């Protein structure tokens, strides 16, 4: 980690999820050791690659850097840029409501849709 110490565009850190880092780990869905997360601080992703320094460094060189988002609209596709601009004009309450509704669809409706799809496919197999 010393190689990245003081780097203005990269943070490599370790967190003790059993002590002061418990809340941070909970926020980002860390449930076991060792867990490696990467990406934007507001949208951390699971890392599932090799664990050696060379593996991690190669992954970072190939995958990390500026990401499309409100602070980097210039690197977004036109479709994503338009969506972000619409979201950025919304109030915090409106945006929070949209997130809540989208999560409800994923958590409640998608499982039901999958059951119906399985039923439809089973009916096709019986033909």
Protein backbone atom coordinates (compact mmCIF):
# COMPACT_ATOMS: atom_id res chain seq x y z
CA UNK A 1 0.00 0.00 0.00
CA UNK A 2 2.98 2.29 0.45
CA UNK A 3 3.25 2.62 -3.34
CA UNK A 4 -0.09 4.48 -3.36
CA UNK A 5 0.47 6.56 -0.20
CA UNK A 6 -0.29 10.22 -0.87
CA UNK A 7 -1.67 9.53 -4.34
CA UNK A 8 -4.25 12.27 -5.08
CA UNK A 9 -6.37 10.03 -7.33
CA UNK A 10 -6.15 6.61 -5.67
CA UNK A 11 -6.95 5.38 -2.19
CA UNK A 12 -5.85 1.99 -0.97
CA UNK A 13 -6.98 1.33 2.59
CA UNK A 14 -7.74 -1.45 4.98
CA UNK A 15 -10.64 -1.38 7.41
CA UNK A 16 -11.15 -3.41 10.58
CA UNK A 17 -14.83 -4.36 10.40
CA UNK A 18 -14.84 -5.60 13.98
CA UNK A 19 -13.91 -2.24 15.50
CA UNK A 20 -14.14 1.39 14.37
CA UNK A 21 -14.84 0.38 10.76
CA UNK A 22 -17.98 -1.63 11.58
CA UNK A 23 -20.42 1.00 10.26
CA UNK A 24 -18.41 1.56 7.08
CA UNK A 25 -18.31 -2.19 6.42
CA UNK A 26 -22.05 -2.48 7.00
CA UNK A 27 -22.73 0.41 4.61
CA UNK A 28 -20.78 -1.31 1.83
CA UNK A 29 -22.03 -4.85 2.42
CA UNK A 30 -18.79 -6.32 3.74
CA UNK A 31 -19.71 -9.58 5.45
CA UNK A 32 -16.47 -11.52 5.68
CA UNK A 33 -12.72 -11.48 5.54
CA UNK A 34 -11.01 -10.90 3.22
CA UNK A 35 -13.32 -8.66 1.20
CA UNK A 36 -11.97 -6.28 -1.42
CA UNK A 37 -14.13 -3.49 -2.80
CA UNK A 38 -13.30 -1.09 -5.60
CA UNK A 39 -14.81 1.84 -7.48
CA UNK A 40 -16.54 5.05 -6.64
CA UNK A 41 -17.04 5.57 -2.90
CA UNK A 42 -20.78 5.88 -3.47
CA UNK A 43 -21.02 2.69 -5.52
CA UNK A 44 -18.45 0.17 -4.30
CA UNK A 45 -18.18 -3.08 -6.26
CA UNK A 46 -16.93 -6.51 -5.17
CA UNK A 47 -13.48 -7.47 -6.42
CA UNK A 48 -13.18 -11.15 -7.27
CA UNK A 49 -9.78 -11.33 -8.99
CA UNK A 50 -6.38 -12.49 -7.85
CA UNK A 51 -5.10 -11.36 -4.47
CA UNK A 52 -1.38 -10.84 -5.09
CA UNK A 53 0.00 -7.32 -5.33
CA UNK A 54 0.74 -7.85 -9.03
CA UNK A 55 -2.84 -9.06 -9.69
CA UNK A 56 -4.32 -6.08 -7.85
CA UNK A 57 -2.00 -3.60 -9.56
CA UNK A 58 -2.82 -5.02 -13.01
CA UNK A 59 -6.56 -4.81 -12.26
CA UNK A 60 -6.17 -1.20 -11.12
CA UNK A 61 -4.20 -0.23 -14.22
CA UNK A 62 -6.76 -1.83 -16.54
CA UNK A 63 -10.01 -0.91 -14.79
CA UNK A 64 -9.69 2.08 -12.52
CA UNK A 65 -9.70 5.74 -13.35
CA UNK A 66 -12.27 8.46 -13.77
CA UNK A 67 -15.79 7.08 -13.97
CA UNK A 68 -18.91 8.40 -15.60
CA UNK A 69 -20.93 10.38 -13.08
CA UNK A 70 -22.03 13.85 -12.05
CA UNK A 71 -18.43 15.07 -11.75
CA UNK A 72 -17.30 13.46 -15.04
CA UNK A 73 -20.18 13.96 -17.46
CA UNK A 74 -17.75 14.37 -20.35
CA UNK A 75 -16.82 10.67 -20.27
CA UNK A 76 -20.43 9.42 -20.17
CA UNK A 77 -22.35 8.17 -23.18
CA UNK A 78 -25.00 10.62 -24.40
CA UNK A 79 -27.84 8.45 -23.03
CA UNK A 80 -26.30 8.20 -19.57
CA UNK A 81 -25.36 11.88 -19.59
CA UNK A 82 -28.98 12.85 -20.30
CA UNK A 83 -30.26 10.63 -17.47
CA UNK A 84 -27.72 12.03 -15.02
CA UNK A 85 -28.64 15.59 -15.96
CA UNK A 86 -32.33 14.83 -15.29
CA UNK A 87 -31.50 13.24 -11.93
CA UNK A 88 -29.25 16.15 -10.98
CA UNK A 89 -32.18 18.55 -11.40
CA UNK A 90 -34.35 16.55 -8.96
CA UNK A 91 -34.70 17.37 -5.31
CA UNK A 92 -33.11 15.01 -2.81
CA UNK A 93 -36.58 13.87 -1.72
CA UNK A 94 -37.68 13.11 -5.29
CA UNK A 95 -34.49 11.22 -6.06
CA UNK A 96 -34.76 9.23 -2.83
CA UNK A 97 -38.35 8.32 -3.74
CA UNK A 98 -37.30 7.13 -7.20
CA UNK A 99 -34.59 4.98 -5.64
CA UNK A 100 -37.08 3.52 -3.14
CA UNK A 101 -39.54 2.69 -5.96
CA UNK A 102 -36.83 1.10 -8.12
CA UNK A 103 -35.65 -1.05 -5.21
CA UNK A 104 -39.24 -2.12 -4.52
CA UNK A 105 -39.58 -3.29 -8.12
CA UNK A 106 -36.33 -5.25 -7.90
CA UNK A 107 -37.06 -6.75 -4.48
CA UNK A 108 -40.78 -7.47 -4.84
CA UNK A 109 -41.77 -7.62 -8.50
CA UNK A 110 -38.76 -9.19 -10.20
CA UNK A 111 -39.01 -12.41 -8.13
CA UNK A 112 -42.69 -12.67 -9.11
CA UNK A 113 -41.82 -12.07 -12.76
CA UNK A 114 -39.21 -14.85 -12.58
CA UNK A 115 -41.81 -17.26 -11.18
CA UNK A 116 -44.19 -16.44 -14.02
CA UNK A 117 -41.40 -16.83 -16.57
CA UNK A 118 -40.47 -20.23 -15.13
CA UNK A 119 -44.15 -21.23 -15.31
CA UNK A 120 -44.40 -20.11 -18.95
CA UNK A 121 -41.21 -21.98 -19.87
CA UNK A 122 -42.44 -25.11 -18.09
CA UNK A 123 -45.65 -24.93 -20.12
CA UNK A 124 -43.59 -24.79 -23.34
CA UNK A 125 -41.61 -27.87 -22.29
CA UNK A 126 -44.82 -29.84 -21.79
CA UNK A 127 -45.91 -29.21 -25.39
